[in-house]
Amino acid sequence: MDTLVDKVTWQGRILGGLEMQETCIVMTRRIRLLFFNRSRTTVLPDTNSNRIPGFIIWWNTSDPNTLHRIHNGIVQTISRIGFTEPAVWCNRQKMNRSRKTLANFWHDQIGENFFYYRKAT
């Protein structure tokens, strides 16, 4: 396993009770360099999504079994909360009062897989 790819669709209600549907692509890549284990999950909006850019979560592992579990966890998270919320959290991270705010968001979302979290961008 070097790359896992899934198309994820979320359907739910946003503020004001408006029904909404978001689709995105979740791709987890195993990156092994000589001394680095910097695998990542990239989440990109579908072409018909709003104009919010995608985001990347970097992991401190290149173990294929762990990355498979992480990938499934991110797919489940996006299925539960949608694409926009985590994308906004990642893209506005410099506006947060604390440097740990984004990490705390991901800790709440991915639970035990947070052990492998390096950073989100």
N, C-alpha and C. Protein backbone atom coordinates (compact mmCIF):
# COMPACT_ATOMS: atom_id res chain seq x y z
N MET A 1 0.84 -1.18 0.00
CA MET A 1 0.00 0.00 0.00
C MET A 1 0.88 1.24 0.00
N ASP A 2 0.79 2.01 -1.05
CA ASP A 2 1.45 3.30 -1.06
C ASP A 2 0.45 4.43 -1.12
N THR A 3 -0.74 4.19 -1.67
CA THR A 3 -1.77 5.21 -1.75
C THR A 3 -3.15 4.60 -1.57
N LEU A 4 -3.95 5.22 -0.71
CA LEU A 4 -5.37 4.86 -0.53
C LEU A 4 -6.20 6.06 -0.96
N VAL A 5 -7.25 5.83 -1.74
CA VAL A 5 -8.10 6.92 -2.23
C VAL A 5 -9.56 6.53 -2.05
N ASP A 6 -10.34 7.46 -1.51
CA ASP A 6 -11.79 7.27 -1.36
C ASP A 6 -12.51 8.57 -1.68
N LYS A 7 -13.66 8.44 -2.29
CA LYS A 7 -14.54 9.58 -2.51
C LYS A 7 -15.57 9.55 -1.38
N VAL A 8 -15.72 10.66 -0.69
CA VAL A 8 -16.58 10.72 0.50
C VAL A 8 -17.66 11.78 0.30
N THR A 9 -18.89 11.41 0.62
CA THR A 9 -20.00 12.35 0.53
C THR A 9 -20.62 12.51 1.90
N TRP A 10 -20.82 13.76 2.28
CA TRP A 10 -21.50 14.10 3.53
C TRP A 10 -22.79 14.80 3.18
N GLN A 11 -23.84 14.48 3.89
CA GLN A 11 -25.11 15.16 3.70
C GLN A 11 -25.66 15.50 5.08
N GLY A 12 -26.01 16.76 5.25
CA GLY A 12 -26.52 17.20 6.53
C GLY A 12 -27.12 18.58 6.45
N ARG A 13 -27.39 19.14 7.61
CA ARG A 13 -27.98 20.48 7.68
C ARG A 13 -26.96 21.46 8.23
N ILE A 14 -26.97 22.65 7.67
CA ILE A 14 -26.11 23.72 8.15
C ILE A 14 -26.97 24.75 8.86
N LEU A 15 -26.38 25.85 9.28
CA LEU A 15 -27.12 26.89 9.99
C LEU A 15 -28.39 27.26 9.24
N GLY A 16 -29.43 27.45 9.97
CA GLY A 16 -30.70 27.80 9.37
C GLY A 16 -31.47 26.59 8.86
N GLY A 17 -30.92 25.39 9.06
CA GLY A 17 -31.61 24.17 8.66
C GLY A 17 -31.53 23.85 7.18
N LEU A 18 -30.69 24.54 6.44
CA LEU A 18 -30.54 24.31 5.02
C LEU A 18 -29.85 22.97 4.77
N GLU A 19 -30.48 22.13 3.95
CA GLU A 19 -29.91 20.83 3.60
C GLU A 19 -28.72 21.04 2.65
N MET A 20 -27.62 20.34 2.91
CA MET A 20 -26.41 20.53 2.11
C MET A 20 -25.74 19.18 1.86
N GLN A 21 -25.03 19.09 0.73
CA GLN A 21 -24.26 17.90 0.43
C GLN A 21 -22.88 18.32 -0.04
N GLU A 22 -21.85 17.65 0.48
CA GLU A 22 -20.46 17.93 0.10
C GLU A 22 -19.81 16.62 -0.30
N THR A 23 -19.00 16.68 -1.33
CA THR A 23 -18.24 15.52 -1.78
C THR A 23 -16.77 15.91 -1.86
N CYS A 24 -15.90 15.03 -1.41
CA CYS A 24 -14.47 15.29 -1.47
C CYS A 24 -13.71 13.99 -1.70
N ILE A 25 -12.44 14.13 -2.02
CA ILE A 25 -11.55 12.99 -2.21
C ILE A 25 -10.58 12.95 -1.04
N VAL A 26 -10.46 11.79 -0.41
CA VAL A 26 -9.52 11.58 0.69
C VAL A 26 -8.43 10.64 0.18
N MET A 27 -7.19 11.10 0.20
CA MET A 27 -6.07 10.30 -0.30
C MET A 27 -4.97 10.25 0.76
N THR A 28 -4.60 9.04 1.17
CA THR A 28 -3.52 8.85 2.12
C THR A 28 -2.36 8.20 1.40
N ARG A 29 -1.20 8.85 1.50
CA ARG A 29 0.00 8.37 0.81
C ARG A 29 1.07 7.99 1.81
N ARG A 30 1.70 6.90 1.55
CA ARG A 30 2.82 6.43 2.36
C ARG A 30 4.09 7.01 1.76
N ILE A 31 4.81 7.79 2.56
CA ILE A 31 6.04 8.42 2.10
C ILE A 31 7.17 7.93 2.99
N ARG A 32 8.07 7.22 2.38
CA ARG A 32 9.24 6.73 3.12
C ARG A 32 10.49 7.25 2.44
N LEU A 33 11.21 8.06 3.15
CA LEU A 33 12.50 8.54 2.69
C LEU A 33 13.57 7.93 3.58
N LEU A 34 14.78 8.16 3.29
CA LEU A 34 15.87 7.51 3.99
C LEU A 34 15.74 7.62 5.51
N PHE A 35 15.55 8.85 6.02
CA PHE A 35 15.48 9.04 7.47
C PHE A 35 14.15 9.63 7.92
N PHE A 36 13.20 9.76 7.02
CA PHE A 36 11.95 10.44 7.35
C PHE A 36 10.75 9.53 7.15
N ASN A 37 9.80 9.62 8.05
CA ASN A 37 8.49 9.00 7.91
C ASN A 37 7.47 10.12 7.96
N ARG A 38 7.12 10.65 6.80
CA ARG A 38 6.23 11.80 6.73
C ARG A 38 5.06 11.50 5.81
N SER A 39 4.31 10.50 6.09
CA SER A 39 3.15 10.18 5.28
C SER A 39 2.08 11.23 5.50
N ARG A 40 1.10 11.28 4.57
CA ARG A 40 0.11 12.34 4.67
C ARG A 40 -1.23 11.89 4.14
N THR A 41 -2.26 12.57 4.61
CA THR A 41 -3.61 12.44 4.07
C THR A 41 -3.98 13.79 3.48
N THR A 42 -4.35 13.78 2.21
CA THR A 42 -4.78 14.99 1.52
C THR A 42 -6.28 14.89 1.29
N VAL A 43 -6.99 15.95 1.61
CA VAL A 43 -8.45 15.99 1.40
C VAL A 43 -8.74 17.15 0.45
N LEU A 44 -9.29 16.83 -0.70
CA LEU A 44 -9.55 17.82 -1.74
C LEU A 44 -11.04 17.89 -2.05
N PRO A 45 -11.58 19.09 -2.23
CA PRO A 45 -13.00 19.21 -2.55
C PRO A 45 -13.30 18.67 -3.94
N ASP A 46 -14.50 18.17 -4.12
CA ASP A 46 -14.96 17.76 -5.44
C ASP A 46 -15.12 19.03 -6.29
N THR A 47 -15.15 18.88 -7.57
CA THR A 47 -15.22 20.04 -8.47
C THR A 47 -16.46 20.90 -8.25
N ASN A 48 -17.53 20.31 -7.76
CA ASN A 48 -18.75 21.10 -7.57
C ASN A 48 -18.87 21.67 -6.15
N SER A 49 -17.81 21.56 -5.36
CA SER A 49 -17.85 22.08 -3.99
C SER A 49 -17.62 23.59 -3.97
N ASN A 50 -17.80 24.15 -2.80
CA ASN A 50 -17.55 25.58 -2.64
C ASN A 50 -16.06 25.87 -2.83
N ARG A 51 -15.67 27.08 -2.67
CA ARG A 51 -14.30 27.50 -3.02
C ARG A 51 -13.30 27.35 -1.88
N ILE A 52 -13.61 26.58 -0.90
CA ILE A 52 -12.68 26.35 0.21
C ILE A 52 -11.60 25.37 -0.26
N PRO A 53 -10.31 25.72 -0.10
CA PRO A 53 -9.25 24.82 -0.55
C PRO A 53 -9.13 23.58 0.32
N GLY A 54 -8.47 22.55 -0.22
CA GLY A 54 -8.25 21.33 0.52
C GLY A 54 -7.25 21.51 1.65
N PHE A 55 -6.95 20.42 2.31
CA PHE A 55 -6.01 20.46 3.42
C PHE A 55 -5.22 19.16 3.47
N ILE A 56 -4.12 19.18 4.22
CA ILE A 56 -3.25 18.02 4.38
C ILE A 56 -3.03 17.78 5.87
N ILE A 57 -3.05 16.50 6.25
CA ILE A 57 -2.68 16.10 7.60
C ILE A 57 -1.44 15.22 7.46
N TRP A 58 -0.37 15.59 8.14
CA TRP A 58 0.88 14.86 8.10
C TRP A 58 0.94 13.88 9.27
N TRP A 59 1.49 12.69 9.02
CA TRP A 59 1.55 11.62 10.01
C TRP A 59 3.00 11.23 10.29
N ASN A 60 3.26 10.77 11.50
CA ASN A 60 4.59 10.31 11.91
C ASN A 60 4.72 8.80 11.78
N THR A 61 4.26 8.24 10.69
CA THR A 61 4.37 6.80 10.47
C THR A 61 4.37 6.52 8.98
N SER A 62 4.99 5.41 8.62
CA SER A 62 4.90 4.92 7.25
C SER A 62 4.43 3.46 7.24
N ASP A 63 3.99 2.97 8.39
CA ASP A 63 3.49 1.61 8.51
C ASP A 63 2.17 1.47 7.73
N PRO A 64 2.11 0.55 6.77
CA PRO A 64 0.91 0.44 5.93
C PRO A 64 -0.37 0.10 6.70
N ASN A 65 -0.27 -0.75 7.72
CA ASN A 65 -1.47 -1.10 8.49
C ASN A 65 -1.99 0.10 9.28
N THR A 66 -1.07 0.84 9.87
CA THR A 66 -1.45 2.04 10.62
C THR A 66 -2.06 3.08 9.69
N LEU A 67 -1.43 3.29 8.52
CA LEU A 67 -1.97 4.27 7.58
C LEU A 67 -3.34 3.87 7.05
N HIS A 68 -3.57 2.59 6.89
CA HIS A 68 -4.90 2.12 6.47
C HIS A 68 -5.94 2.46 7.53
N ARG A 69 -5.59 2.23 8.79
CA ARG A 69 -6.50 2.56 9.90
C ARG A 69 -6.73 4.07 9.99
N ILE A 70 -5.66 4.85 9.81
CA ILE A 70 -5.77 6.31 9.83
C ILE A 70 -6.67 6.79 8.69
N HIS A 71 -6.43 6.25 7.50
CA HIS A 71 -7.24 6.64 6.33
C HIS A 71 -8.72 6.37 6.58
N ASN A 72 -9.03 5.19 7.09
CA ASN A 72 -10.43 4.87 7.40
C ASN A 72 -11.00 5.81 8.45
N GLY A 73 -10.18 6.20 9.41
CA GLY A 73 -10.64 7.14 10.44
C GLY A 73 -10.95 8.51 9.85
N ILE A 74 -10.12 8.99 8.93
CA ILE A 74 -10.38 10.29 8.29
C ILE A 74 -11.62 10.20 7.41
N VAL A 75 -11.79 9.10 6.68
CA VAL A 75 -12.99 8.92 5.86
C VAL A 75 -14.24 8.96 6.75
N GLN A 76 -14.21 8.28 7.88
CA GLN A 76 -15.35 8.29 8.80
C GLN A 76 -15.59 9.69 9.36
N THR A 77 -14.51 10.40 9.68
CA THR A 77 -14.64 11.76 10.21
C THR A 77 -15.30 12.68 9.19
N ILE A 78 -14.83 12.64 7.94
CA ILE A 78 -15.40 13.48 6.89
C ILE A 78 -16.85 13.09 6.62
N SER A 79 -17.15 11.80 6.68
CA SER A 79 -18.53 11.34 6.51
C SER A 79 -19.44 11.88 7.61
N ARG A 80 -18.87 12.08 8.79
CA ARG A 80 -19.66 12.53 9.95
C ARG A 80 -19.80 14.05 10.00
N ILE A 81 -18.71 14.80 9.72
CA ILE A 81 -18.75 16.26 9.90
C ILE A 81 -18.68 17.05 8.59
N GLY A 82 -18.38 16.37 7.48
CA GLY A 82 -18.30 17.06 6.21
C GLY A 82 -16.90 17.58 5.92
N PHE A 83 -16.74 18.18 4.74
CA PHE A 83 -15.45 18.69 4.29
C PHE A 83 -15.18 20.10 4.80
N THR A 84 -16.18 20.97 4.81
CA THR A 84 -15.97 22.39 5.07
C THR A 84 -15.41 22.67 6.46
N GLU A 85 -15.95 22.03 7.49
CA GLU A 85 -15.50 22.33 8.85
C GLU A 85 -14.00 22.07 9.05
N PRO A 86 -13.47 20.88 8.74
CA PRO A 86 -12.03 20.70 8.92
C PRO A 86 -11.19 21.55 7.97
N ALA A 87 -11.69 21.81 6.76
CA ALA A 87 -10.95 22.65 5.82
C ALA A 87 -10.80 24.07 6.37
N VAL A 88 -11.87 24.59 6.93
CA VAL A 88 -11.82 25.94 7.51
C VAL A 88 -10.87 25.96 8.71
N TRP A 89 -10.94 24.95 9.57
CA TRP A 89 -10.03 24.88 10.71
C TRP A 89 -8.58 24.89 10.25
N CYS A 90 -8.26 24.11 9.21
CA CYS A 90 -6.87 24.03 8.73
C CYS A 90 -6.43 25.32 8.06
N ASN A 91 -7.29 25.88 7.23
CA ASN A 91 -6.90 27.06 6.46
C ASN A 91 -6.90 28.34 7.27
N ARG A 92 -7.54 28.34 8.43
CA ARG A 92 -7.54 29.53 9.28
C ARG A 92 -6.71 29.34 10.54
N GLN A 93 -5.81 28.39 10.51
CA GLN A 93 -5.04 28.06 11.72
C GLN A 93 -4.21 29.23 12.24
N LYS A 94 -3.77 30.12 11.36
CA LYS A 94 -2.95 31.26 11.81
C LYS A 94 -3.78 32.30 12.54
N MET A 95 -5.10 32.21 12.45
CA MET A 95 -5.97 33.14 13.16
C MET A 95 -6.27 32.69 14.59
N ASN A 96 -5.92 31.45 14.91
CA ASN A 96 -6.19 30.92 16.24
C ASN A 96 -5.32 31.59 17.29
N ARG A 97 -5.85 31.72 18.47
CA ARG A 97 -5.09 32.34 19.56
C ARG A 97 -3.97 31.44 20.06
N SER A 98 -4.18 30.15 19.97
CA SER A 98 -3.19 29.19 20.46
C SER A 98 -2.70 28.32 19.31
N ARG A 99 -1.42 27.97 19.35
CA ARG A 99 -0.86 27.08 18.33
C ARG A 99 -1.42 25.67 18.45
N LYS A 100 -1.98 25.33 19.61
CA LYS A 100 -2.50 23.98 19.84
C LYS A 100 -3.97 23.82 19.44
N THR A 101 -4.62 24.90 19.01
CA THR A 101 -6.04 24.84 18.71
C THR A 101 -6.35 23.85 17.60
N LEU A 102 -5.59 23.89 16.51
CA LEU A 102 -5.83 22.97 15.40
C LEU A 102 -5.56 21.52 15.81
N ALA A 103 -4.47 21.31 16.54
CA ALA A 103 -4.18 19.95 17.02
C ALA A 103 -5.28 19.45 17.95
N ASN A 104 -5.83 20.32 18.79
CA ASN A 104 -6.93 19.92 19.66
C ASN A 104 -8.17 19.55 18.86
N PHE A 105 -8.44 20.29 17.78
CA PHE A 105 -9.57 19.96 16.91
C PHE A 105 -9.40 18.55 16.35
N TRP A 106 -8.21 18.25 15.81
CA TRP A 106 -7.99 16.93 15.23
C TRP A 106 -7.96 15.84 16.29
N HIS A 107 -7.47 16.14 17.47
CA HIS A 107 -7.49 15.16 18.55
C HIS A 107 -8.93 14.77 18.85
N ASP A 108 -9.83 15.74 18.92
CA ASP A 108 -11.24 15.46 19.17
C ASP A 108 -11.87 14.64 18.04
N GLN A 109 -11.44 14.88 16.80
CA GLN A 109 -12.06 14.23 15.65
C GLN A 109 -11.55 12.81 15.40
N ILE A 110 -10.25 12.58 15.56
CA ILE A 110 -9.69 11.28 15.16
C ILE A 110 -9.32 10.37 16.32
N GLY A 111 -9.52 10.84 17.54
CA GLY A 111 -9.34 9.98 18.71
C GLY A 111 -7.96 9.35 18.82
N GLU A 112 -7.93 8.01 18.93
CA GLU A 112 -6.67 7.30 19.18
C GLU A 112 -5.66 7.43 18.04
N ASN A 113 -6.12 7.71 16.84
CA ASN A 113 -5.19 7.91 15.72
C ASN A 113 -4.38 9.20 15.87
N PHE A 114 -4.77 10.04 16.81
CA PHE A 114 -4.03 11.28 17.04
C PHE A 114 -2.59 11.00 17.48
N PHE A 115 -2.34 9.82 18.01
CA PHE A 115 -0.99 9.42 18.41
C PHE A 115 -0.01 9.59 17.25
N TYR A 116 -0.47 9.42 16.01
CA TYR A 116 0.39 9.50 14.82
C TYR A 116 0.36 10.87 14.16
N TYR A 117 -0.45 11.78 14.68
CA TYR A 117 -0.59 13.11 14.10
C TYR A 117 0.71 13.90 14.22
N ARG A 118 1.11 14.53 13.14
CA ARG A 118 2.27 15.42 13.18
C ARG A 118 1.83 16.86 13.11
N LYS A 119 1.09 17.21 12.06
CA LYS A 119 0.53 18.56 11.92
C LYS A 119 -0.48 18.56 10.78
N ALA A 120 -1.28 19.60 10.73
CA ALA A 120 -2.22 19.79 9.63
C ALA A 120 -1.92 21.13 8.97
N THR A 121 -2.08 21.16 7.67
CA THR A 121 -1.81 22.40 6.93
C THR A 121 -2.93 22.67 5.94
